[in-house]
Amino acid sequence: MNFIGVAGFSLSNNKFKLGEIYYKLDPAYWGKGYATELAKRLVVLGFDTLGLHKVEAGVATENTKSVKVLEKIGMTREGLRRKILPIRGDWKDNFHYAIVEDDPRDY
C-alpha cells in the first residue's frame, strides 16, 4: 500500500451539525480521480456516519482542479473569503463551498 495523501474532517459544535472536509494528495496522484472519490466518501461519511446537516470545504481560488472536484460532487459555491490562506509567503483568497444533507447527489 502506498501513502498518497491526507484527508479528514474538522467538526463544529454539535449544535450546528457542521463539518469541513480537507484533503491533500501527493502530486504524483493528481488527475487520476482520487480526489473526487475521496471527497465523495468524506461527504457520505459526514452525512451517514457523523449525522451532519452540512459539509463544507474551502479551496484557494487559483486551485481550479480542486474547485472542479467540489463542484463535481455537488457542492455549491457559497462565498469568497479574501486573503485568508497563507500560501508560499502570500495571502490568497478562498472560495467557500458546501453541500447540505438534502441537496441532490448521485453517490
PDB file of N, CA and C in Angstrom:
ATOM      1  N   MET A   1       0.843  -1.173   0.000  1.00  0.00           N
ATOM      2  CA  MET A   1       0.000   0.000   0.000  1.00  0.00           C
ATOM      3  C   MET A   1       0.891   1.240   0.000  1.00  0.00           C
ATOM      4  N   ASN A   2       0.541   2.228  -0.809  1.00  0.00           N
ATOM      5  CA  ASN A   2       1.296   3.474  -0.905  1.00  0.00           C
ATOM      6  C   ASN A   2       0.571   4.601  -0.185  1.00  0.00           C
ATOM      7  N   PHE A   3       1.339   5.490   0.410  1.00  0.00           N
ATOM      8  CA  PHE A   3       0.790   6.701   1.008  1.00  0.00           C
ATOM      9  C   PHE A   3       0.565   7.699  -0.120  1.00  0.00           C
ATOM     10  N   ILE A   4      -0.676   8.175  -0.273  1.00  0.00           N
ATOM     11  CA  ILE A   4      -0.939   9.122  -1.358  1.00  0.00           C
ATOM     12  C   ILE A   4      -1.379  10.500  -0.864  1.00  0.00           C
ATOM     13  N   GLY A   5      -1.623  10.661   0.440  1.00  0.00           N
ATOM     14  CA  GLY A   5      -2.011  11.966   0.942  1.00  0.00           C
ATOM     15  C   GLY A   5      -2.729  11.878   2.268  1.00  0.00           C
ATOM     16  N   VAL A   6      -3.339  12.996   2.638  1.00  0.00           N
ATOM     17  CA  VAL A   6      -4.083  13.080   3.890  1.00  0.00           C
ATOM     18  C   VAL A   6      -5.476  13.646   3.610  1.00  0.00           C
ATOM     19  N   ALA A   7      -6.410  13.302   4.489  1.00  0.00           N
ATOM     20  CA  ALA A   7      -7.777  13.800   4.363  1.00  0.00           C
ATOM     21  C   ALA A   7      -8.463  13.677   5.702  1.00  0.00           C
ATOM     22  N   GLY A   8      -9.531  14.437   5.878  1.00  0.00           N
ATOM     23  CA  GLY A   8     -10.273  14.332   7.118  1.00  0.00           C
ATOM     24  C   GLY A   8     -11.341  15.386   7.253  1.00  0.00           C
ATOM     25  N   PHE A   9     -11.785  15.545   8.494  1.00  0.00           N
ATOM     26  CA  PHE A   9     -12.855  16.465   8.860  1.00  0.00           C
ATOM     27  C   PHE A   9     -12.409  17.363   9.998  1.00  0.00           C
ATOM     28  N   SER A  10     -12.901  18.580   9.981  1.00  0.00           N
ATOM     29  CA  SER A  10     -12.904  19.451  11.156  1.00  0.00           C
ATOM     30  C   SER A  10     -14.372  19.618  11.509  1.00  0.00           C
ATOM     31  N   LEU A  11     -14.732  19.260  12.733  1.00  0.00           N
ATOM     32  CA  LEU A  11     -16.133  19.292  13.132  1.00  0.00           C
ATOM     33  C   LEU A  11     -16.439  20.507  13.995  1.00  0.00           C
ATOM     34  N   SER A  12     -17.654  21.037  13.841  1.00  0.00           N
ATOM     35  CA  SER A  12     -18.100  22.167  14.646  1.00  0.00           C
ATOM     36  C   SER A  12     -18.760  21.658  15.922  1.00  0.00           C
ATOM     37  N   ASN A  13     -19.237  22.576  16.694  1.00  0.00           N
ATOM     38  CA  ASN A  13     -20.055  22.286  17.856  1.00  0.00           C
ATOM     39  C   ASN A  13     -21.235  21.424  17.411  1.00  0.00           C
ATOM     40  N   ASN A  14     -21.624  20.440  18.197  1.00  0.00           N
ATOM     41  CA  ASN A  14     -22.718  19.526  17.835  1.00  0.00           C
ATOM     42  C   ASN A  14     -24.005  20.247  17.452  1.00  0.00           C
ATOM     43  N   LYS A  15     -24.264  21.394  18.052  1.00  0.00           N
ATOM     44  CA  LYS A  15     -25.497  22.139  17.791  1.00  0.00           C
ATOM     45  C   LYS A  15     -25.674  22.449  16.300  1.00  0.00           C
ATOM     46  N   PHE A  16     -24.572  22.702  15.608  1.00  0.00           N
ATOM     47  CA  PHE A  16     -24.642  23.130  14.212  1.00  0.00           C
ATOM     48  C   PHE A  16     -24.582  21.966  13.219  1.00  0.00           C
ATOM     49  N   LYS A  17     -24.155  20.772  13.671  1.00  0.00           N
ATOM     50  CA  LYS A  17     -24.063  19.591  12.801  1.00  0.00           C
ATOM     51  C   LYS A  17     -23.351  19.927  11.493  1.00  0.00           C
ATOM     52  N   LEU A  18     -22.175  20.511  11.642  1.00  0.00           N
ATOM     53  CA  LEU A  18     -21.412  21.043  10.528  1.00  0.00           C
ATOM     54  C   LEU A  18     -20.008  20.470  10.545  1.00  0.00           C
ATOM     55  N   GLY A  19     -19.499  20.130   9.387  1.00  0.00           N
ATOM     56  CA  GLY A  19     -18.127  19.656   9.278  1.00  0.00           C
ATOM     57  C   GLY A  19     -17.473  20.222   8.035  1.00  0.00           C
ATOM     58  N   GLU A  20     -16.171  20.404   8.099  1.00  0.00           N
ATOM     59  CA  GLU A  20     -15.415  20.875   6.938  1.00  0.00           C
ATOM     60  C   GLU A  20     -14.449  19.780   6.522  1.00  0.00           C
ATOM     61  N   ILE A  21     -14.502  19.400   5.243  1.00  0.00           N
ATOM     62  CA  ILE A  21     -13.593  18.377   4.746  1.00  0.00           C
ATOM     63  C   ILE A  21     -12.308  19.025   4.257  1.00  0.00           C
ATOM     64  N   TYR A  22     -11.243  18.221   4.305  1.00  0.00           N
ATOM     65  CA  TYR A  22      -9.975  18.659   3.721  1.00  0.00           C
ATOM     66  C   TYR A  22      -9.279  17.442   3.133  1.00  0.00           C
ATOM     67  N   TYR A  23      -8.474  17.695   2.128  1.00  0.00           N
ATOM     68  CA  TYR A  23      -7.672  16.632   1.526  1.00  0.00           C
ATOM     69  C   TYR A  23      -6.463  17.267   0.851  1.00  0.00           C
ATOM     70  N   LYS A  24      -5.385  16.528   0.833  1.00  0.00           N
ATOM     71  CA  LYS A  24      -4.167  16.966   0.148  1.00  0.00           C
ATOM     72  C   LYS A  24      -3.475  15.712  -0.360  1.00  0.00           C
ATOM     73  N   LEU A  25      -3.365  15.612  -1.676  1.00  0.00           N
ATOM     74  CA  LEU A  25      -2.773  14.430  -2.283  1.00  0.00           C
ATOM     75  C   LEU A  25      -1.364  14.726  -2.793  1.00  0.00           C
ATOM     76  N   ASP A  26      -0.534  13.707  -2.776  1.00  0.00           N
ATOM     77  CA  ASP A  26       0.783  13.781  -3.385  1.00  0.00           C
ATOM     78  C   ASP A  26       0.579  14.090  -4.870  1.00  0.00           C
ATOM     79  N   PRO A  27       1.317  15.051  -5.427  1.00  0.00           N
ATOM     80  CA  PRO A  27       1.133  15.412  -6.838  1.00  0.00           C
ATOM     81  C   PRO A  27       1.245  14.229  -7.809  1.00  0.00           C
ATOM     82  N   ALA A  28       1.945  13.183  -7.437  1.00  0.00           N
ATOM     83  CA  ALA A  28       2.055  12.005  -8.306  1.00  0.00           C
ATOM     84  C   ALA A  28       0.700  11.347  -8.532  1.00  0.00           C
ATOM     85  N   TYR A  29      -0.281  11.648  -7.682  1.00  0.00           N
ATOM     86  CA  TYR A  29      -1.602  11.026  -7.770  1.00  0.00           C
ATOM     87  C   TYR A  29      -2.679  11.985  -8.271  1.00  0.00           C
ATOM     88  N   TRP A  30      -2.288  13.179  -8.674  1.00  0.00           N
ATOM     89  CA  TRP A  30      -3.255  14.143  -9.208  1.00  0.00           C
ATOM     90  C   TRP A  30      -3.765  13.678 -10.566  1.00  0.00           C
ATOM     91  N   GLY A  31      -5.004  14.049 -10.895  1.00  0.00           N
ATOM     92  CA  GLY A  31      -5.558  13.791 -12.213  1.00  0.00           C
ATOM     93  C   GLY A  31      -5.992  12.354 -12.455  1.00  0.00           C
ATOM     94  N   LYS A  32      -6.087  11.561 -11.394  1.00  0.00           N
ATOM     95  CA  LYS A  32      -6.461  10.152 -11.530  1.00  0.00           C
ATOM     96  C   LYS A  32      -7.836   9.848 -10.923  1.00  0.00           C
ATOM     97  N   GLY A  33      -8.550  10.884 -10.457  1.00  0.00           N
ATOM     98  CA  GLY A  33      -9.877  10.686  -9.882  1.00  0.00           C
ATOM     99  C   GLY A  33      -9.887  10.405  -8.390  1.00  0.00           C
ATOM    100  N   TYR A  34      -8.702  10.333  -7.773  1.00  0.00           N
ATOM    101  CA  TYR A  34      -8.645  10.021  -6.342  1.00  0.00           C
ATOM    102  C   TYR A  34      -9.274  11.119  -5.491  1.00  0.00           C
ATOM    103  N   ALA A  35      -9.038  12.370  -5.835  1.00  0.00           N
ATOM    104  CA  ALA A  35      -9.589  13.471  -5.035  1.00  0.00           C
ATOM    105  C   ALA A  35     -11.113  13.468  -5.089  1.00  0.00           C
ATOM    106  N   THR A  36     -11.667  13.218  -6.267  1.00  0.00           N
ATOM    107  CA  THR A  36     -13.125  13.175  -6.395  1.00  0.00           C
ATOM    108  C   THR A  36     -13.709  12.042  -5.563  1.00  0.00           C
ATOM    109  N   GLU A  37     -13.121  10.862  -5.680  1.00  0.00           N
ATOM    110  CA  GLU A  37     -13.617   9.709  -4.917  1.00  0.00           C
ATOM    111  C   GLU A  37     -13.474   9.947  -3.410  1.00  0.00           C
ATOM    112  N   LEU A  38     -12.361  10.513  -3.017  1.00  0.00           N
ATOM    113  CA  LEU A  38     -12.116  10.805  -1.609  1.00  0.00           C
ATOM    114  C   LEU A  38     -13.125  11.826  -1.089  1.00  0.00           C
ATOM    115  N   ALA A  39     -13.350  12.896  -1.837  1.00  0.00           N
ATOM    116  CA  ALA A  39     -14.299  13.924  -1.406  1.00  0.00           C
ATOM    117  C   ALA A  39     -15.712  13.351  -1.282  1.00  0.00           C
ATOM    118  N   LYS A  40     -16.105  12.501  -2.228  1.00  0.00           N
ATOM    119  CA  LYS A  40     -17.423  11.857  -2.138  1.00  0.00           C
ATOM    120  C   LYS A  40     -17.533  11.030  -0.866  1.00  0.00           C
ATOM    121  N   ARG A  41     -16.518  10.243  -0.591  1.00  0.00           N
ATOM    122  CA  ARG A  41     -16.558   9.380   0.596  1.00  0.00           C
ATOM    123  C   ARG A  41     -16.598  10.200   1.881  1.00  0.00           C
ATOM    124  N   LEU A  42     -15.915  11.335   1.900  1.00  0.00           N
ATOM    125  CA  LEU A  42     -15.965  12.203   3.077  1.00  0.00           C
ATOM    126  C   LEU A  42     -17.370  12.771   3.269  1.00  0.00           C
ATOM    127  N   VAL A  43     -18.018  13.169   2.178  1.00  0.00           N
ATOM    128  CA  VAL A  43     -19.390  13.692   2.277  1.00  0.00           C
ATOM    129  C   VAL A  43     -20.329  12.613   2.806  1.00  0.00           C
ATOM    130  N   VAL A  44     -20.231  11.413   2.257  1.00  0.00           N
ATOM    131  CA  VAL A  44     -21.072  10.304   2.724  1.00  0.00           C
ATOM    132  C   VAL A  44     -20.804  10.024   4.205  1.00  0.00           C
ATOM    133  N   LEU A  45     -19.559   9.986   4.592  1.00  0.00           N
ATOM    134  CA  LEU A  45     -19.200   9.782   5.994  1.00  0.00           C
ATOM    135  C   LEU A  45     -19.833  10.865   6.868  1.00  0.00           C
ATOM    136  N   GLY A  46     -19.750  12.105   6.413  1.00  0.00           N
ATOM    137  CA  GLY A  46     -20.321  13.206   7.184  1.00  0.00           C
ATOM    138  C   GLY A  46     -21.807  13.073   7.405  1.00  0.00           C
ATOM    139  N   PHE A  47     -22.533  12.732   6.351  1.00  0.00           N
ATOM    140  CA  PHE A  47     -23.983  12.632   6.463  1.00  0.00           C
ATOM    141  C   PHE A  47     -24.426  11.315   7.101  1.00  0.00           C
ATOM    142  N   ASP A  48     -23.895  10.201   6.622  1.00  0.00           N
ATOM    143  CA  ASP A  48     -24.404   8.890   7.035  1.00  0.00           C
ATOM    144  C   ASP A  48     -23.839   8.390   8.365  1.00  0.00           C
ATOM    145  N   THR A  49     -22.607   8.713   8.668  1.00  0.00           N
ATOM    146  CA  THR A  49     -21.984   8.207   9.893  1.00  0.00           C
ATOM    147  C   THR A  49     -21.939   9.258  11.004  1.00  0.00           C
ATOM    148  N   LEU A  50     -21.569  10.478  10.639  1.00  0.00           N
ATOM    149  CA  LEU A  50     -21.434  11.527  11.648  1.00  0.00           C
ATOM    150  C   LEU A  50     -22.738  12.287  11.892  1.00  0.00           C
ATOM    151  N   GLY A  51     -23.738  12.077  11.047  1.00  0.00           N
ATOM    152  CA  GLY A  51     -25.039  12.721  11.233  1.00  0.00           C
ATOM    153  C   GLY A  51     -25.020  14.223  11.037  1.00  0.00           C
ATOM    154  N   LEU A  52     -24.163  14.701  10.138  1.00  0.00           N
ATOM    155  CA  LEU A  52     -24.062  16.134   9.903  1.00  0.00           C
ATOM    156  C   LEU A  52     -25.237  16.642   9.066  1.00  0.00           C
ATOM    157  N   HIS A  53     -25.498  17.930   9.191  1.00  0.00           N
ATOM    158  CA  HIS A  53     -26.509  18.607   8.385  1.00  0.00           C
ATOM    159  C   HIS A  53     -25.867  19.248   7.159  1.00  0.00           C
ATOM    160  N   LYS A  54     -24.613  19.693   7.324  1.00  0.00           N
ATOM    161  CA  LYS A  54     -23.932  20.424   6.248  1.00  0.00           C
ATOM    162  C   LYS A  54     -22.458  20.060   6.249  1.00  0.00           C
ATOM    163  N   VAL A  55     -21.912  19.868   5.041  1.00  0.00           N
ATOM    164  CA  VAL A  55     -20.486  19.601   4.873  1.00  0.00           C
ATOM    165  C   VAL A  55     -19.912  20.731   4.022  1.00  0.00           C
ATOM    166  N   GLU A  56     -18.844  21.336   4.508  1.00  0.00           N
ATOM    167  CA  GLU A  56     -18.224  22.471   3.835  1.00  0.00           C
ATOM    168  C   GLU A  56     -16.815  22.124   3.376  1.00  0.00           C
ATOM    169  N   ALA A  57     -16.291  22.973   2.503  1.00  0.00           N
ATOM    170  CA  ALA A  57     -14.902  22.862   2.065  1.00  0.00           C
ATOM    171  C   ALA A  57     -14.433  24.229   1.603  1.00  0.00           C
ATOM    172  N   GLY A  58     -13.174  24.511   1.840  1.00  0.00           N
ATOM    173  CA  GLY A  58     -12.568  25.731   1.345  1.00  0.00           C
ATOM    174  C   GLY A  58     -11.508  25.375   0.324  1.00  0.00           C
ATOM    175  N   VAL A  59     -11.314  26.261  -0.642  1.00  0.00           N
ATOM    176  CA  VAL A  59     -10.326  25.998  -1.690  1.00  0.00           C
ATOM    177  C   VAL A  59      -9.763  27.325  -2.183  1.00  0.00           C
ATOM    178  N   ALA A  60      -8.459  27.359  -2.360  1.00  0.00           N
ATOM    179  CA  ALA A  60      -7.826  28.554  -2.921  1.00  0.00           C
ATOM    180  C   ALA A  60      -8.442  28.836  -4.294  1.00  0.00           C
ATOM    181  N   THR A  61      -8.755  30.086  -4.562  1.00  0.00           N
ATOM    182  CA  THR A  61      -9.424  30.442  -5.814  1.00  0.00           C
ATOM    183  C   THR A  61      -8.597  30.037  -7.035  1.00  0.00           C
ATOM    184  N   GLU A  62      -7.303  29.951  -6.895  1.00  0.00           N
ATOM    185  CA  GLU A  62      -6.424  29.585  -8.014  1.00  0.00           C
ATOM    186  C   GLU A  62      -6.380  28.072  -8.251  1.00  0.00           C
ATOM    187  N   ASN A  63      -6.899  27.287  -7.316  1.00  0.00           N
ATOM    188  CA  ASN A  63      -6.832  25.833  -7.403  1.00  0.00           C
ATOM    189  C   ASN A  63      -8.021  25.307  -8.218  1.00  0.00           C
ATOM    190  N   THR A  64      -7.960  25.502  -9.525  1.00  0.00           N
ATOM    191  CA  THR A  64      -9.091  25.181 -10.390  1.00  0.00           C
ATOM    192  C   THR A  64      -9.428  23.690 -10.393  1.00  0.00           C
ATOM    193  N   LYS A  65      -8.437  22.839 -10.235  1.00  0.00           N
ATOM    194  CA  LYS A  65      -8.710  21.400 -10.232  1.00  0.00           C
ATOM    195  C   LYS A  65      -9.520  20.999  -8.997  1.00  0.00           C
ATOM    196  N   SER A  66      -9.201  21.561  -7.844  1.00  0.00           N
ATOM    197  CA  SER A  66      -9.954  21.241  -6.642  1.00  0.00           C
ATOM    198  C   SER A  66     -11.349  21.879  -6.690  1.00  0.00           C
ATOM    199  N   VAL A  67     -11.465  23.051  -7.291  1.00  0.00           N
ATOM    200  CA  VAL A  67     -12.780  23.668  -7.494  1.00  0.00           C
ATOM    201  C   VAL A  67     -13.655  22.710  -8.300  1.00  0.00           C
ATOM    202  N   LYS A  68     -13.099  22.120  -9.367  1.00  0.00           N
ATOM    203  CA  LYS A  68     -13.854  21.173 -10.199  1.00  0.00           C
ATOM    204  C   LYS A  68     -14.278  19.945  -9.389  1.00  0.00           C
ATOM    205  N   VAL A  69     -13.399  19.473  -8.513  1.00  0.00           N
ATOM    206  CA  VAL A  69     -13.747  18.324  -7.667  1.00  0.00           C
ATOM    207  C   VAL A  69     -14.961  18.655  -6.809  1.00  0.00           C
ATOM    208  N   LEU A  70     -14.928  19.791  -6.136  1.00  0.00           N
ATOM    209  CA  LEU A  70     -16.027  20.157  -5.237  1.00  0.00           C
ATOM    210  C   LEU A  70     -17.335  20.347  -5.999  1.00  0.00           C
ATOM    211  N   GLU A  71     -17.262  20.940  -7.171  1.00  0.00           N
ATOM    212  CA  GLU A  71     -18.474  21.128  -7.965  1.00  0.00           C
ATOM    213  C   GLU A  71     -18.979  19.794  -8.523  1.00  0.00           C
ATOM    214  N   LYS A  72     -18.059  18.905  -8.886  1.00  0.00           N
ATOM    215  CA  LYS A  72     -18.436  17.596  -9.419  1.00  0.00           C
ATOM    216  C   LYS A  72     -19.199  16.761  -8.391  1.00  0.00           C
ATOM    217  N   ILE A  73     -18.877  16.940  -7.107  1.00  0.00           N
ATOM    218  CA  ILE A  73     -19.549  16.150  -6.066  1.00  0.00           C
ATOM    219  C   ILE A  73     -20.813  16.836  -5.541  1.00  0.00           C
ATOM    220  N   GLY A  74     -21.209  17.934  -6.184  1.00  0.00           N
ATOM    221  CA  GLY A  74     -22.483  18.566  -5.852  1.00  0.00           C
ATOM    222  C   GLY A  74     -22.417  19.708  -4.862  1.00  0.00           C
ATOM    223  N   MET A  75     -21.222  20.151  -4.532  1.00  0.00           N
ATOM    224  CA  MET A  75     -21.120  21.289  -3.617  1.00  0.00           C
ATOM    225  C   MET A  75     -21.435  22.586  -4.367  1.00  0.00           C
ATOM    226  N   THR A  76     -21.946  23.547  -3.620  1.00  0.00           N
ATOM    227  CA  THR A  76     -22.296  24.855  -4.160  1.00  0.00           C
ATOM    228  C   THR A  76     -21.342  25.895  -3.603  1.00  0.00           C
ATOM    229  N   ARG A  77     -20.883  26.776  -4.477  1.00  0.00           N
ATOM    230  CA  ARG A  77     -20.036  27.881  -4.014  1.00  0.00           C
ATOM    231  C   ARG A  77     -20.916  28.874  -3.267  1.00  0.00           C
ATOM    232  N   GLU A  78     -20.580  29.092  -1.999  1.00  0.00           N
ATOM    233  CA  GLU A  78     -21.398  29.969  -1.159  1.00  0.00           C
ATOM    234  C   GLU A  78     -20.754  31.325  -0.910  1.00  0.00           C
ATOM    235  N   GLY A  79     -19.476  31.448  -1.194  1.00  0.00           N
ATOM    236  CA  GLY A  79     -18.867  32.738  -0.946  1.00  0.00           C
ATOM    237  C   GLY A  79     -17.382  32.765  -1.190  1.00  0.00           C
ATOM    238  N   LEU A  80     -16.814  33.915  -0.895  1.00  0.00           N
ATOM    239  CA  LEU A  80     -15.388  34.184  -1.063  1.00  0.00           C
ATOM    240  C   LEU A  80     -14.848  34.767   0.229  1.00  0.00           C
ATOM    241  N   ARG A  81     -13.760  34.203   0.707  1.00  0.00           N
ATOM    242  CA  ARG A  81     -13.072  34.776   1.868  1.00  0.00           C
ATOM    243  C   ARG A  81     -11.762  35.353   1.348  1.00  0.00           C
ATOM    244  N   ARG A  82     -11.615  36.639   1.504  1.00  0.00           N
ATOM    245  CA  ARG A  82     -10.480  37.348   0.929  1.00  0.00           C
ATOM    246  C   ARG A  82      -9.227  37.204   1.776  1.00  0.00           C
ATOM    247  N   LYS A  83      -8.128  36.906   1.088  1.00  0.00           N
ATOM    248  CA  LYS A  83      -6.783  36.888   1.683  1.00  0.00           C
ATOM    249  C   LYS A  83      -6.745  36.168   3.033  1.00  0.00           C
ATOM    250  N   ILE A  84      -7.206  34.912   3.036  1.00  0.00           N
ATOM    251  CA  ILE A  84      -7.271  34.139   4.277  1.00  0.00           C
ATOM    252  C   ILE A  84      -6.260  32.999   4.328  1.00  0.00           C
ATOM    253  N   LEU A  85      -5.755  32.585   3.172  1.00  0.00           N
ATOM    254  CA  LEU A  85      -4.853  31.438   3.111  1.00  0.00           C
ATOM    255  C   LEU A  85      -3.396  31.879   2.946  1.00  0.00           C
ATOM    256  N   PRO A  86      -2.538  31.538   3.911  1.00  0.00           N
ATOM    257  CA  PRO A  86      -1.111  31.846   3.721  1.00  0.00           C
ATOM    258  C   PRO A  86      -0.451  30.749   2.872  1.00  0.00           C
ATOM    259  N   ILE A  87      -0.168  31.059   1.621  1.00  0.00           N
ATOM    260  CA  ILE A  87       0.429  30.082   0.704  1.00  0.00           C
ATOM    261  C   ILE A  87       1.699  30.675   0.104  1.00  0.00           C
ATOM    262  N   ARG A  88       2.811  29.990   0.371  1.00  0.00           N
ATOM    263  CA  ARG A  88       4.124  30.387  -0.162  1.00  0.00           C
ATOM    264  C   ARG A  88       4.418  31.873   0.017  1.00  0.00           C
ATOM    265  N   GLY A  89       4.152  32.377   1.208  1.00  0.00           N
ATOM    266  CA  GLY A  89       4.500  33.753   1.542  1.00  0.00           C
ATOM    267  C   GLY A  89       3.493  34.809   1.127  1.00  0.00           C
ATOM    268  N   ASP A  90       2.410  34.414   0.489  1.00  0.00           N
ATOM    269  CA  ASP A  90       1.374  35.366   0.085  1.00  0.00           C
ATOM    270  C   ASP A  90       0.036  34.973   0.702  1.00  0.00           C
ATOM    271  N   TRP A  91      -0.828  35.963   0.868  1.00  0.00           N
ATOM    272  CA  TRP A  91      -2.187  35.714   1.343  1.00  0.00           C
ATOM    273  C   TRP A  91      -3.090  35.537   0.142  1.00  0.00           C
ATOM    274  N   LYS A  92      -3.763  34.386   0.079  1.00  0.00           N
ATOM    275  CA  LYS A  92      -4.607  34.033  -1.062  1.00  0.00           C
ATOM    276  C   LYS A  92      -6.082  34.029  -0.676  1.00  0.00           C
ATOM    277  N   ASP A  93      -6.920  34.289  -1.682  1.00  0.00           N
ATOM    278  CA  ASP A  93      -8.363  34.223  -1.494  1.00  0.00           C
ATOM    279  C   ASP A  93      -8.822  32.767  -1.487  1.00  0.00           C
ATOM    280  N   ASN A  94      -9.974  32.534  -0.875  1.00  0.00           N
ATOM    281  CA  ASN A  94     -10.515  31.197  -0.685  1.00  0.00           C
ATOM    282  C   ASN A  94     -11.993  31.189  -1.059  1.00  0.00           C
ATOM    283  N   PHE A  95     -12.390  30.225  -1.923  1.00  0.00           N
ATOM    284  CA  PHE A  95     -13.809  30.006  -2.180  1.00  0.00           C
ATOM    285  C   PHE A  95     -14.358  29.105  -1.078  1.00  0.00           C
ATOM    286  N   HIS A  96     -15.584  29.385  -0.659  1.00  0.00           N
ATOM    287  CA  HIS A  96     -16.267  28.580   0.349  1.00  0.00           C
ATOM    288  C   HIS A  96     -17.344  27.761  -0.354  1.00  0.00           C
ATOM    289  N   TYR A  97     -17.275  26.440  -0.225  1.00  0.00           N
ATOM    290  CA  TYR A  97     -18.239  25.516  -0.831  1.00  0.00           C
ATOM    291  C   TYR A  97     -18.960  24.740   0.261  1.00  0.00           C
ATOM    292  N   ALA A  98     -20.171  24.267  -0.062  1.00  0.00           N
ATOM    293  CA  ALA A  98     -20.916  23.439   0.903  1.00  0.00           C
ATOM    294  C   ALA A  98     -21.958  22.595   0.189  1.00  0.00           C
ATOM    295  N   ILE A  99     -22.352  21.542   0.887  1.00  0.00           N
ATOM    296  CA  ILE A  99     -23.469  20.701   0.476  1.00  0.00           C
ATOM    297  C   ILE A  99     -24.274  20.400   1.742  1.00  0.00           C
ATOM    298  N   VAL A 100     -25.595  20.452   1.620  1.00  0.00           N
ATOM    299  CA  VAL A 100     -26.492  20.203   2.742  1.00  0.00           C
ATOM    300  C   VAL A 100     -27.075  18.796   2.567  1.00  0.00           C
ATOM    301  N   GLU A 101     -27.411  18.171   3.673  1.00  0.00           N
ATOM    302  CA  GLU A 101     -27.837  16.767   3.642  1.00  0.00           C
ATOM    303  C   GLU A 101     -28.964  16.478   2.661  1.00  0.00           C
ATOM    304  N   ASP A 102     -29.863  17.431   2.408  1.00  0.00           N
ATOM    305  CA  ASP A 102     -30.957  17.162   1.472  1.00  0.00           C
ATOM    306  C   ASP A 102     -30.714  17.703   0.064  1.00  0.00           C
ATOM    307  N   ASP A 103     -29.497  18.166  -0.213  1.00  0.00           N
ATOM    308  CA  ASP A 103     -29.134  18.535  -1.587  1.00  0.00           C
ATOM    309  C   ASP A 103     -29.045  17.266  -2.431  1.00  0.00           C
ATOM    310  N   PRO A 104     -29.415  17.357  -3.695  1.00  0.00           N
ATOM    311  CA  PRO A 104     -29.330  16.157  -4.547  1.00  0.00           C
ATOM    312  C   PRO A 104     -27.873  15.741  -4.781  1.00  0.00           C
ATOM    313  N   ARG A 105     -27.649  14.438  -4.756  1.00  0.00           N
ATOM    314  CA  ARG A 105     -26.345  13.884  -5.117  1.00  0.00           C
ATOM    315  C   ARG A 105     -26.574  12.465  -5.605  1.00  0.00           C
ATOM    316  N   ASP A 106     -25.710  11.995  -6.470  1.00  0.00           N
ATOM    317  CA  ASP A 106     -25.895  10.678  -7.081  1.00  0.00           C
ATOM    318  C   ASP A 106     -24.883   9.657  -6.587  1.00  0.00           C
ATOM    319  N   TYR A 107     -24.448   9.798  -5.364  1.00  0.00           N
ATOM    320  CA  TYR A 107     -23.493   8.844  -4.783  1.00  0.00           C
ATOM    321  C   TYR A 107     -23.860   8.553  -3.356  1.00  0.00           C
TER     322      TYR A 107
END
